[in-house]
N, C-alpha and C. Protein backbone atom coordinates (compact mmCIF):
# COMPACT_ATOMS: atom_id res chain seq x y z
N MET A 1 -10.28 -60.52 71.04
CA MET A 1 -10.25 -61.17 72.34
C MET A 1 -10.82 -60.21 73.38
N ALA A 2 -11.78 -60.69 74.16
CA ALA A 2 -12.39 -59.87 75.20
C ALA A 2 -12.01 -60.43 76.57
N ALA A 3 -11.76 -59.52 77.51
CA ALA A 3 -11.40 -59.93 78.87
C ALA A 3 -12.21 -59.13 79.86
N VAL A 4 -12.82 -59.81 80.84
CA VAL A 4 -13.54 -59.12 81.90
C VAL A 4 -12.52 -58.55 82.87
N LEU A 5 -12.51 -57.24 83.01
CA LEU A 5 -11.56 -56.56 83.90
C LEU A 5 -12.12 -56.39 85.30
N LEU A 6 -13.43 -56.15 85.39
CA LEU A 6 -14.10 -55.96 86.68
C LEU A 6 -15.43 -56.68 86.66
N ASP A 7 -15.78 -57.32 87.76
CA ASP A 7 -17.10 -57.92 87.87
C ASP A 7 -17.96 -57.03 88.77
N SER A 8 -19.16 -57.49 89.09
CA SER A 8 -20.08 -56.64 89.86
C SER A 8 -19.53 -56.32 91.24
N GLY A 9 -18.88 -57.27 91.89
CA GLY A 9 -18.29 -57.01 93.21
C GLY A 9 -17.19 -55.97 93.13
N ASP A 10 -16.35 -56.07 92.09
CA ASP A 10 -15.28 -55.08 91.90
C ASP A 10 -15.87 -53.68 91.70
N MET A 11 -16.92 -53.59 90.87
CA MET A 11 -17.54 -52.29 90.62
C MET A 11 -18.16 -51.73 91.88
N ARG A 12 -18.82 -52.57 92.67
CA ARG A 12 -19.46 -52.12 93.92
C ARG A 12 -18.41 -51.56 94.88
N ARG A 13 -17.30 -52.27 95.05
CA ARG A 13 -16.22 -51.81 95.93
C ARG A 13 -15.59 -50.52 95.41
N MET A 14 -15.39 -50.44 94.10
CA MET A 14 -14.78 -49.25 93.50
C MET A 14 -15.67 -48.03 93.71
N LEU A 15 -16.97 -48.18 93.50
CA LEU A 15 -17.89 -47.05 93.68
C LEU A 15 -17.96 -46.65 95.15
N GLY A 16 -17.88 -47.60 96.07
CA GLY A 16 -17.85 -47.28 97.49
C GLY A 16 -16.62 -46.45 97.85
N ARG A 17 -15.48 -46.85 97.31
CA ARG A 17 -14.24 -46.10 97.55
C ARG A 17 -14.34 -44.70 96.97
N MET A 18 -14.87 -44.60 95.75
CA MET A 18 -15.00 -43.28 95.12
C MET A 18 -15.95 -42.38 95.92
N ALA A 19 -17.05 -42.94 96.43
CA ALA A 19 -18.00 -42.16 97.22
C ALA A 19 -17.31 -41.59 98.45
N HIS A 20 -16.51 -42.42 99.14
CA HIS A 20 -15.78 -41.94 100.31
C HIS A 20 -14.76 -40.86 99.93
N GLU A 21 -14.04 -41.04 98.81
CA GLU A 21 -13.06 -40.05 98.36
C GLU A 21 -13.73 -38.71 98.06
N ILE A 22 -14.87 -38.75 97.38
CA ILE A 22 -15.59 -37.52 97.03
C ILE A 22 -16.04 -36.80 98.29
N LEU A 23 -16.62 -37.54 99.23
CA LEU A 23 -17.08 -36.93 100.48
C LEU A 23 -15.93 -36.35 101.28
N GLU A 24 -14.82 -37.06 101.34
CA GLU A 24 -13.67 -36.56 102.08
C GLU A 24 -13.11 -35.29 101.45
N ALA A 25 -12.97 -35.30 100.13
CA ALA A 25 -12.42 -34.13 99.44
C ALA A 25 -13.33 -32.91 99.56
N ASN A 26 -14.63 -33.14 99.72
CA ASN A 26 -15.60 -32.03 99.80
C ASN A 26 -16.09 -31.78 101.23
N GLN A 27 -15.45 -32.41 102.20
CA GLN A 27 -15.80 -32.28 103.61
C GLN A 27 -17.29 -32.54 103.86
N GLY A 28 -17.78 -33.60 103.27
CA GLY A 28 -19.16 -34.01 103.47
C GLY A 28 -20.02 -33.76 102.26
N ALA A 29 -21.33 -33.90 102.46
CA ALA A 29 -22.29 -33.85 101.35
C ALA A 29 -22.98 -32.50 101.20
N GLU A 30 -22.71 -31.56 102.07
CA GLU A 30 -23.39 -30.27 101.99
C GLU A 30 -23.07 -29.57 100.66
N ASP A 31 -24.10 -29.11 99.98
CA ASP A 31 -23.99 -28.43 98.68
C ASP A 31 -23.38 -29.29 97.58
N LEU A 32 -23.45 -30.60 97.74
CA LEU A 32 -22.91 -31.52 96.75
C LEU A 32 -24.06 -32.08 95.92
N VAL A 33 -23.91 -32.11 94.59
CA VAL A 33 -24.87 -32.72 93.69
C VAL A 33 -24.09 -33.56 92.68
N VAL A 34 -24.76 -34.57 92.13
CA VAL A 34 -24.14 -35.46 91.16
C VAL A 34 -24.94 -35.37 89.86
N VAL A 35 -24.23 -35.24 88.74
CA VAL A 35 -24.86 -35.21 87.42
C VAL A 35 -24.17 -36.26 86.56
N GLY A 36 -24.95 -37.22 86.06
CA GLY A 36 -24.41 -38.29 85.23
C GLY A 36 -24.57 -37.99 83.76
N VAL A 37 -23.54 -38.34 83.00
CA VAL A 37 -23.57 -38.17 81.55
C VAL A 37 -24.33 -39.36 80.96
N LEU A 38 -25.37 -39.05 80.16
CA LEU A 38 -26.14 -40.12 79.52
C LEU A 38 -25.24 -40.84 78.52
N ARG A 39 -25.27 -42.07 78.48
CA ARG A 39 -26.13 -43.12 78.92
C ARG A 39 -25.59 -43.80 80.15
N ARG A 40 -24.45 -44.43 80.08
CA ARG A 40 -24.01 -45.25 81.20
C ARG A 40 -23.39 -44.46 82.35
N GLY A 41 -23.10 -43.21 82.17
CA GLY A 41 -22.66 -42.39 83.30
C GLY A 41 -23.79 -42.09 84.26
N TRP A 42 -25.02 -42.12 83.77
CA TRP A 42 -26.20 -41.84 84.59
C TRP A 42 -26.40 -42.90 85.67
N PRO A 43 -26.39 -44.21 85.35
CA PRO A 43 -26.52 -45.20 86.43
C PRO A 43 -25.35 -45.15 87.42
N VAL A 44 -24.16 -44.88 86.92
CA VAL A 44 -23.00 -44.75 87.82
C VAL A 44 -23.22 -43.56 88.76
N ALA A 45 -23.71 -42.45 88.24
CA ALA A 45 -23.97 -41.27 89.06
C ALA A 45 -25.03 -41.55 90.13
N LYS A 46 -26.10 -42.26 89.74
CA LYS A 46 -27.15 -42.59 90.71
C LYS A 46 -26.59 -43.43 91.84
N ARG A 47 -25.74 -44.37 91.51
CA ARG A 47 -25.15 -45.22 92.54
C ARG A 47 -24.24 -44.41 93.47
N LEU A 48 -23.42 -43.53 92.89
CA LEU A 48 -22.55 -42.69 93.72
C LEU A 48 -23.39 -41.81 94.66
N ALA A 49 -24.42 -41.19 94.12
CA ALA A 49 -25.27 -40.32 94.94
C ALA A 49 -25.93 -41.12 96.05
N PHE A 50 -26.40 -42.33 95.74
CA PHE A 50 -27.04 -43.19 96.74
C PHE A 50 -26.04 -43.57 97.84
N LEU A 51 -24.84 -43.97 97.44
CA LEU A 51 -23.82 -44.36 98.42
C LEU A 51 -23.45 -43.18 99.32
N MET A 52 -23.28 -42.00 98.74
CA MET A 52 -22.94 -40.82 99.54
C MET A 52 -24.08 -40.45 100.48
N THR A 53 -25.32 -40.62 100.02
CA THR A 53 -26.49 -40.37 100.87
C THR A 53 -26.49 -41.34 102.05
N GLN A 54 -26.19 -42.61 101.80
CA GLN A 54 -26.14 -43.59 102.88
C GLN A 54 -25.03 -43.28 103.88
N ILE A 55 -23.88 -42.89 103.38
CA ILE A 55 -22.73 -42.61 104.24
C ILE A 55 -23.00 -41.39 105.12
N GLU A 56 -23.52 -40.32 104.50
CA GLU A 56 -23.68 -39.05 105.20
C GLU A 56 -25.02 -38.88 105.89
N GLY A 57 -26.03 -39.64 105.47
CA GLY A 57 -27.36 -39.45 106.04
C GLY A 57 -28.04 -38.20 105.53
N THR A 58 -27.51 -37.60 104.49
CA THR A 58 -28.04 -36.40 103.85
C THR A 58 -28.23 -36.71 102.38
N THR A 59 -29.40 -36.38 101.83
CA THR A 59 -29.67 -36.67 100.43
C THR A 59 -28.73 -35.91 99.52
N VAL A 60 -28.09 -36.65 98.61
CA VAL A 60 -27.25 -36.05 97.57
C VAL A 60 -28.06 -36.13 96.28
N PRO A 61 -28.55 -34.98 95.77
CA PRO A 61 -29.36 -34.99 94.56
C PRO A 61 -28.57 -35.49 93.34
N CYS A 62 -29.30 -36.09 92.41
CA CYS A 62 -28.66 -36.63 91.21
C CYS A 62 -29.49 -36.28 89.98
N GLY A 63 -28.83 -35.80 88.94
CA GLY A 63 -29.48 -35.50 87.67
C GLY A 63 -28.70 -36.13 86.53
N LYS A 64 -29.18 -35.89 85.31
CA LYS A 64 -28.50 -36.45 84.14
C LYS A 64 -28.36 -35.37 83.08
N VAL A 65 -27.27 -35.45 82.33
CA VAL A 65 -27.01 -34.48 81.26
C VAL A 65 -26.76 -35.24 79.96
N ASP A 66 -27.35 -34.71 78.89
CA ASP A 66 -27.17 -35.25 77.55
C ASP A 66 -26.09 -34.41 76.87
N ALA A 67 -24.94 -34.99 76.61
CA ALA A 67 -23.82 -34.25 76.02
C ALA A 67 -23.91 -34.15 74.50
N ARG A 68 -24.78 -34.93 73.88
CA ARG A 68 -24.84 -34.98 72.40
C ARG A 68 -25.06 -33.62 71.75
N PRO A 69 -25.94 -32.76 72.27
CA PRO A 69 -26.13 -31.47 71.60
C PRO A 69 -24.90 -30.55 71.65
N TYR A 70 -23.93 -30.89 72.48
CA TYR A 70 -22.75 -30.05 72.67
C TYR A 70 -21.49 -30.62 72.03
N ARG A 71 -21.62 -31.75 71.34
CA ARG A 71 -20.45 -32.37 70.70
C ARG A 71 -20.01 -31.54 69.50
N ASP A 72 -18.70 -31.36 69.35
CA ASP A 72 -18.18 -30.64 68.19
C ASP A 72 -17.61 -31.59 67.14
N ASP A 73 -17.63 -32.88 67.44
CA ASP A 73 -17.02 -33.86 66.54
C ASP A 73 -18.03 -34.86 65.99
N LYS A 74 -19.30 -34.61 66.22
CA LYS A 74 -20.37 -35.50 65.74
C LYS A 74 -21.47 -34.65 65.12
N PRO A 75 -22.33 -35.26 64.32
CA PRO A 75 -23.44 -34.50 63.74
C PRO A 75 -24.32 -33.88 64.84
N ALA A 76 -24.86 -32.72 64.54
CA ALA A 76 -25.69 -32.00 65.51
C ALA A 76 -26.92 -32.82 65.89
N VAL A 77 -27.25 -32.81 67.18
CA VAL A 77 -28.43 -33.47 67.71
C VAL A 77 -29.25 -32.41 68.41
N LEU A 78 -30.51 -32.26 68.02
CA LEU A 78 -31.36 -31.24 68.63
C LEU A 78 -32.03 -31.72 69.91
N GLU A 79 -32.31 -33.02 69.99
CA GLU A 79 -32.97 -33.58 71.17
C GLU A 79 -32.01 -33.53 72.36
N ASP A 80 -32.49 -33.02 73.49
CA ASP A 80 -31.70 -32.94 74.71
C ASP A 80 -32.46 -33.66 75.81
N ASN A 81 -31.94 -34.79 76.26
CA ASN A 81 -32.60 -35.60 77.29
C ASN A 81 -32.09 -35.30 78.70
N SER A 82 -31.49 -34.14 78.88
CA SER A 82 -30.99 -33.76 80.20
C SER A 82 -32.14 -33.56 81.18
N GLU A 83 -31.92 -33.96 82.42
CA GLU A 83 -32.86 -33.72 83.51
C GLU A 83 -32.05 -33.40 84.75
N ILE A 84 -32.06 -32.15 85.12
CA ILE A 84 -31.40 -31.72 86.35
C ILE A 84 -32.47 -31.02 87.18
N PRO A 85 -33.18 -31.80 88.02
CA PRO A 85 -34.35 -31.28 88.74
C PRO A 85 -34.01 -30.54 90.04
N PHE A 86 -32.86 -29.89 90.06
CA PHE A 86 -32.44 -29.15 91.24
C PHE A 86 -31.53 -28.02 90.78
N GLN A 87 -31.34 -27.05 91.62
CA GLN A 87 -30.49 -25.90 91.32
C GLN A 87 -29.02 -26.32 91.47
N VAL A 88 -28.19 -26.02 90.47
CA VAL A 88 -26.77 -26.33 90.59
C VAL A 88 -25.91 -25.10 90.81
N THR A 89 -26.49 -23.92 90.66
CA THR A 89 -25.74 -22.69 90.89
C THR A 89 -25.28 -22.66 92.34
N GLY A 90 -23.99 -22.47 92.53
CA GLY A 90 -23.43 -22.42 93.87
C GLY A 90 -23.18 -23.78 94.50
N LYS A 91 -23.47 -24.85 93.78
CA LYS A 91 -23.26 -26.20 94.30
C LYS A 91 -21.92 -26.75 93.79
N ARG A 92 -21.46 -27.78 94.43
CA ARG A 92 -20.29 -28.52 93.95
C ARG A 92 -20.84 -29.70 93.15
N VAL A 93 -20.65 -29.64 91.84
CA VAL A 93 -21.22 -30.62 90.91
C VAL A 93 -20.18 -31.71 90.64
N ILE A 94 -20.58 -32.95 90.88
CA ILE A 94 -19.73 -34.10 90.54
C ILE A 94 -20.27 -34.64 89.21
N LEU A 95 -19.63 -34.27 88.12
CA LEU A 95 -20.00 -34.76 86.79
C LEU A 95 -19.45 -36.17 86.66
N THR A 96 -20.31 -37.12 86.33
CA THR A 96 -19.93 -38.54 86.38
C THR A 96 -20.16 -39.21 85.04
N ASP A 97 -19.15 -39.98 84.60
CA ASP A 97 -19.27 -40.78 83.39
C ASP A 97 -18.63 -42.13 83.65
N GLU A 98 -18.93 -43.10 82.79
CA GLU A 98 -18.39 -44.43 83.05
C GLU A 98 -16.97 -44.58 82.52
N VAL A 99 -16.62 -43.94 81.41
CA VAL A 99 -15.28 -44.06 80.83
C VAL A 99 -14.85 -42.70 80.32
N ILE A 100 -13.58 -42.38 80.50
CA ILE A 100 -13.01 -41.21 79.83
C ILE A 100 -11.95 -41.74 78.87
N PHE A 101 -12.02 -41.25 77.64
CA PHE A 101 -11.10 -41.70 76.59
C PHE A 101 -10.45 -40.46 76.00
N THR A 102 -10.99 -39.91 74.94
CA THR A 102 -10.38 -38.73 74.31
C THR A 102 -10.70 -37.45 75.07
N GLY A 103 -11.77 -37.44 75.85
CA GLY A 103 -12.18 -36.25 76.58
C GLY A 103 -13.26 -35.45 75.87
N ARG A 104 -13.64 -35.84 74.67
CA ARG A 104 -14.61 -35.06 73.89
C ARG A 104 -16.01 -35.10 74.50
N THR A 105 -16.47 -36.27 74.96
CA THR A 105 -17.78 -36.33 75.61
C THR A 105 -17.76 -35.52 76.89
N THR A 106 -16.67 -35.63 77.65
CA THR A 106 -16.54 -34.87 78.89
C THR A 106 -16.58 -33.37 78.61
N ARG A 107 -15.87 -32.92 77.58
CA ARG A 107 -15.86 -31.50 77.24
C ARG A 107 -17.27 -31.03 76.89
N ALA A 108 -18.00 -31.84 76.15
CA ALA A 108 -19.37 -31.48 75.78
C ALA A 108 -20.27 -31.43 77.02
N ALA A 109 -20.11 -32.39 77.93
CA ALA A 109 -20.90 -32.39 79.16
C ALA A 109 -20.54 -31.19 80.04
N LEU A 110 -19.26 -30.84 80.07
CA LEU A 110 -18.84 -29.65 80.82
C LEU A 110 -19.51 -28.40 80.26
N ASP A 111 -19.56 -28.31 78.93
CA ASP A 111 -20.24 -27.17 78.30
C ASP A 111 -21.70 -27.10 78.72
N ALA A 112 -22.33 -28.26 78.84
CA ALA A 112 -23.75 -28.31 79.20
C ALA A 112 -24.00 -27.89 80.64
N VAL A 113 -23.05 -28.15 81.54
CA VAL A 113 -23.27 -27.93 82.97
C VAL A 113 -22.46 -26.77 83.53
N PHE A 114 -21.35 -26.42 82.90
CA PHE A 114 -20.36 -25.50 83.46
C PHE A 114 -20.91 -24.16 83.91
N ARG A 115 -21.85 -23.63 83.20
CA ARG A 115 -22.35 -22.29 83.52
C ARG A 115 -23.12 -22.26 84.85
N HIS A 116 -23.39 -23.41 85.43
CA HIS A 116 -24.22 -23.47 86.63
C HIS A 116 -23.46 -23.58 87.94
N GLY A 117 -22.24 -24.06 87.94
CA GLY A 117 -21.55 -24.23 89.20
C GLY A 117 -20.16 -24.82 89.02
N ARG A 118 -19.47 -24.99 90.14
CA ARG A 118 -18.14 -25.59 90.13
C ARG A 118 -18.29 -27.08 89.86
N ILE A 119 -17.41 -27.62 89.01
CA ILE A 119 -17.55 -29.00 88.58
C ILE A 119 -16.30 -29.79 88.92
N GLN A 120 -16.52 -31.00 89.43
CA GLN A 120 -15.46 -31.98 89.62
C GLN A 120 -15.86 -33.18 88.76
N LEU A 121 -14.88 -33.90 88.26
CA LEU A 121 -15.15 -35.01 87.35
C LEU A 121 -14.84 -36.35 88.02
N ALA A 122 -15.81 -37.27 87.98
CA ALA A 122 -15.63 -38.63 88.48
C ALA A 122 -15.90 -39.61 87.35
N VAL A 123 -14.98 -40.55 87.14
CA VAL A 123 -15.17 -41.58 86.12
C VAL A 123 -14.86 -42.94 86.71
N LEU A 124 -15.55 -43.94 86.23
CA LEU A 124 -15.29 -45.30 86.66
C LEU A 124 -13.96 -45.79 86.08
N ILE A 125 -13.76 -45.56 84.78
CA ILE A 125 -12.57 -46.05 84.08
C ILE A 125 -11.90 -44.91 83.31
N ASP A 126 -10.59 -44.77 83.46
CA ASP A 126 -9.78 -43.84 82.66
C ASP A 126 -8.88 -44.70 81.79
N ARG A 127 -9.09 -44.62 80.47
CA ARG A 127 -8.29 -45.45 79.57
C ARG A 127 -7.23 -44.66 78.81
N GLY A 128 -7.04 -43.38 79.18
CA GLY A 128 -5.97 -42.60 78.56
C GLY A 128 -6.31 -42.13 77.16
N HIS A 129 -5.28 -41.76 76.39
CA HIS A 129 -5.39 -41.33 74.99
C HIS A 129 -6.15 -40.02 74.84
N ARG A 130 -5.99 -39.10 75.77
CA ARG A 130 -6.72 -37.84 75.75
C ARG A 130 -6.34 -36.98 74.54
N GLU A 131 -7.33 -36.37 73.92
CA GLU A 131 -7.13 -35.38 72.86
C GLU A 131 -7.27 -33.97 73.44
N LEU A 132 -7.88 -33.88 74.62
CA LEU A 132 -8.10 -32.60 75.29
C LEU A 132 -7.50 -32.69 76.69
N PRO A 133 -7.04 -31.57 77.24
CA PRO A 133 -6.40 -31.60 78.57
C PRO A 133 -7.43 -31.67 79.70
N ILE A 134 -8.08 -32.82 79.81
CA ILE A 134 -9.11 -33.04 80.83
C ILE A 134 -8.70 -34.26 81.64
N GLU A 135 -8.66 -34.10 82.96
CA GLU A 135 -8.33 -35.20 83.85
C GLU A 135 -9.40 -35.31 84.93
N PRO A 136 -9.81 -36.53 85.28
CA PRO A 136 -10.81 -36.70 86.33
C PRO A 136 -10.24 -36.38 87.72
N ASN A 137 -11.09 -35.82 88.58
CA ASN A 137 -10.73 -35.62 89.98
C ASN A 137 -10.78 -36.94 90.74
N TYR A 138 -11.71 -37.81 90.34
CA TYR A 138 -11.92 -39.10 91.01
C TYR A 138 -12.00 -40.17 89.92
N CYS A 139 -11.24 -41.24 90.11
CA CYS A 139 -11.19 -42.29 89.10
C CYS A 139 -11.21 -43.64 89.79
N GLY A 140 -12.10 -44.51 89.33
CA GLY A 140 -12.16 -45.85 89.88
C GLY A 140 -10.92 -46.65 89.53
N ARG A 141 -10.54 -46.67 88.26
CA ARG A 141 -9.37 -47.42 87.83
C ARG A 141 -8.84 -46.86 86.52
N LYS A 142 -7.50 -46.78 86.42
CA LYS A 142 -6.85 -46.44 85.16
C LYS A 142 -6.47 -47.75 84.48
N ILE A 143 -6.79 -47.83 83.21
CA ILE A 143 -6.50 -49.05 82.44
C ILE A 143 -5.74 -48.65 81.19
N GLN A 144 -4.58 -49.26 80.98
CA GLN A 144 -3.79 -49.00 79.78
C GLN A 144 -4.42 -49.73 78.61
N THR A 145 -4.70 -49.00 77.55
CA THR A 145 -5.30 -49.60 76.36
C THR A 145 -4.57 -49.12 75.12
N GLU A 146 -4.80 -49.82 74.04
CA GLU A 146 -4.38 -49.34 72.73
C GLU A 146 -5.53 -48.49 72.21
N LYS A 147 -5.23 -47.58 71.29
CA LYS A 147 -6.29 -46.70 70.77
C LYS A 147 -7.43 -47.47 70.12
N ASP A 148 -7.15 -48.61 69.48
CA ASP A 148 -8.19 -49.38 68.79
C ASP A 148 -8.98 -50.30 69.71
N ASP A 149 -8.56 -50.43 70.96
CA ASP A 149 -9.30 -51.25 71.92
C ASP A 149 -10.59 -50.54 72.30
N HIS A 150 -11.50 -51.30 72.89
CA HIS A 150 -12.76 -50.73 73.39
C HIS A 150 -12.92 -51.16 74.84
N ILE A 151 -13.41 -50.24 75.66
CA ILE A 151 -13.81 -50.57 77.02
C ILE A 151 -15.33 -50.52 77.04
N LEU A 152 -15.93 -51.60 77.42
CA LEU A 152 -17.39 -51.68 77.51
C LEU A 152 -17.76 -51.78 78.98
N VAL A 153 -18.50 -50.80 79.47
CA VAL A 153 -19.01 -50.85 80.83
C VAL A 153 -20.45 -51.29 80.76
N ARG A 154 -20.74 -52.41 81.39
CA ARG A 154 -22.11 -52.91 81.45
C ARG A 154 -22.66 -52.54 82.82
N VAL A 155 -23.85 -51.97 82.83
CA VAL A 155 -24.51 -51.62 84.09
C VAL A 155 -25.84 -52.37 84.16
N ASN A 156 -26.13 -52.86 85.33
CA ASN A 156 -27.31 -53.68 85.54
C ASN A 156 -28.58 -52.99 85.05
N GLU A 157 -28.68 -51.68 85.26
CA GLU A 157 -29.89 -50.94 84.89
C GLU A 157 -30.17 -50.98 83.39
N LEU A 158 -29.14 -51.07 82.57
CA LEU A 158 -29.32 -51.08 81.11
C LEU A 158 -28.99 -52.42 80.46
N ASP A 159 -28.08 -53.18 81.08
CA ASP A 159 -27.56 -54.38 80.44
C ASP A 159 -27.85 -55.67 81.19
N GLY A 160 -28.44 -55.57 82.38
CA GLY A 160 -28.76 -56.77 83.15
C GLY A 160 -27.60 -57.34 83.93
N GLU A 161 -26.44 -56.69 83.90
CA GLU A 161 -25.28 -57.12 84.67
C GLU A 161 -24.32 -55.95 84.83
N ASP A 162 -23.46 -56.06 85.82
CA ASP A 162 -22.39 -55.09 86.02
C ASP A 162 -21.08 -55.75 85.63
N ALA A 163 -20.33 -55.11 84.76
CA ALA A 163 -19.02 -55.63 84.36
C ALA A 163 -18.30 -54.56 83.55
N VAL A 164 -16.99 -54.65 83.55
CA VAL A 164 -16.16 -53.84 82.66
C VAL A 164 -15.37 -54.82 81.81
N VAL A 165 -15.49 -54.67 80.48
CA VAL A 165 -14.88 -55.61 79.55
C VAL A 165 -13.94 -54.84 78.62
N LEU A 166 -12.75 -55.39 78.43
CA LEU A 166 -11.79 -54.85 77.47
C LEU A 166 -11.86 -55.69 76.22
N GLU A 167 -12.13 -55.03 75.09
CA GLU A 167 -12.13 -55.70 73.79
C GLU A 167 -10.88 -55.28 73.05
N LYS A 168 -9.99 -56.23 72.83
CA LYS A 168 -8.75 -55.96 72.10
C LYS A 168 -9.03 -55.85 70.61
N ASP A 169 -8.41 -54.89 69.98
CA ASP A 169 -8.49 -54.72 68.53
C ASP A 169 -9.91 -54.62 68.02
N GLY A 170 -10.83 -54.12 68.84
CA GLY A 170 -12.19 -53.86 68.39
C GLY A 170 -13.08 -55.06 68.23
N GLU A 171 -12.66 -56.26 68.69
CA GLU A 171 -13.54 -57.44 68.59
C GLU A 171 -14.72 -57.27 69.51
N GLN A 172 -15.90 -57.63 69.06
CA GLN A 172 -17.11 -57.52 69.87
C GLN A 172 -17.32 -58.80 70.67
N THR A 173 -17.85 -58.64 71.87
CA THR A 173 -18.30 -59.81 72.62
C THR A 173 -19.71 -60.12 72.14
N PRO A 174 -20.08 -61.38 72.03
CA PRO A 174 -21.36 -61.75 71.44
C PRO A 174 -22.57 -61.14 72.12
N GLN A 175 -22.60 -60.99 73.45
CA GLN A 175 -23.78 -60.49 74.13
C GLN A 175 -23.81 -58.98 74.25
N GLU A 176 -22.88 -58.29 73.61
CA GLU A 176 -22.81 -56.84 73.75
C GLU A 176 -23.94 -56.14 73.01
N PRO A 177 -24.64 -55.21 73.66
CA PRO A 177 -25.68 -54.45 72.97
C PRO A 177 -25.06 -53.55 71.91
N VAL A 178 -25.72 -53.41 70.79
CA VAL A 178 -25.22 -52.58 69.69
C VAL A 178 -25.05 -51.13 70.14
N SER A 179 -25.94 -50.63 71.00
CA SER A 179 -25.88 -49.23 71.43
C SER A 179 -24.66 -48.94 72.27
N ALA A 180 -23.98 -49.95 72.77
CA ALA A 180 -22.81 -49.74 73.64
C ALA A 180 -21.52 -49.62 72.86
N ARG A 181 -21.55 -49.72 71.55
CA ARG A 181 -20.33 -49.75 70.76
C ARG A 181 -19.63 -48.39 70.66
N GLY A 182 -20.32 -47.31 70.94
CA GLY A 182 -19.70 -45.99 70.79
C GLY A 182 -18.54 -45.79 71.73
N MET A 183 -17.54 -45.06 71.27
CA MET A 183 -16.38 -44.76 72.11
C MET A 183 -16.56 -43.40 72.73
N LYS A 184 -16.08 -43.23 73.93
CA LYS A 184 -16.14 -41.94 74.64
C LYS A 184 -14.96 -41.09 74.25
């Protein structure tokens, strides 16, 4: 059984709130950069950076990081699709992903970016069940799930729509892209 938890309007409002929270906590956009975890964390990061740029009138740079080469629980991947076209040393880095689950993807992304600057974590959805002691600084929504459930975040840039869907007991929704089945 699949249930839509958030629609595009809900996601837009949630990201607006998160952008304001990040700016308030950092006293504005000065020395702030956003780095999105590939795949669906990247569009979320771009939206956050755009919203903060609109609010502050100062460009908030945005890059993307590929956490796959840093995973300790998956087969090694040599290809690294990271693109961070700005200096992060001495910056306040907002590492952004769409869902946090066990924390393993986040840990790998932290390894990829950590050596460059101070990092804060922003996630759209926190579904609990952490295997590592990692908590987001900014969270759109906490959702209680069972371990076997799946949270699918659809983003317009990749999926043609914005939505957050809860799949109970691992059932797939018919229109779900195969590439979105991975758990964070």
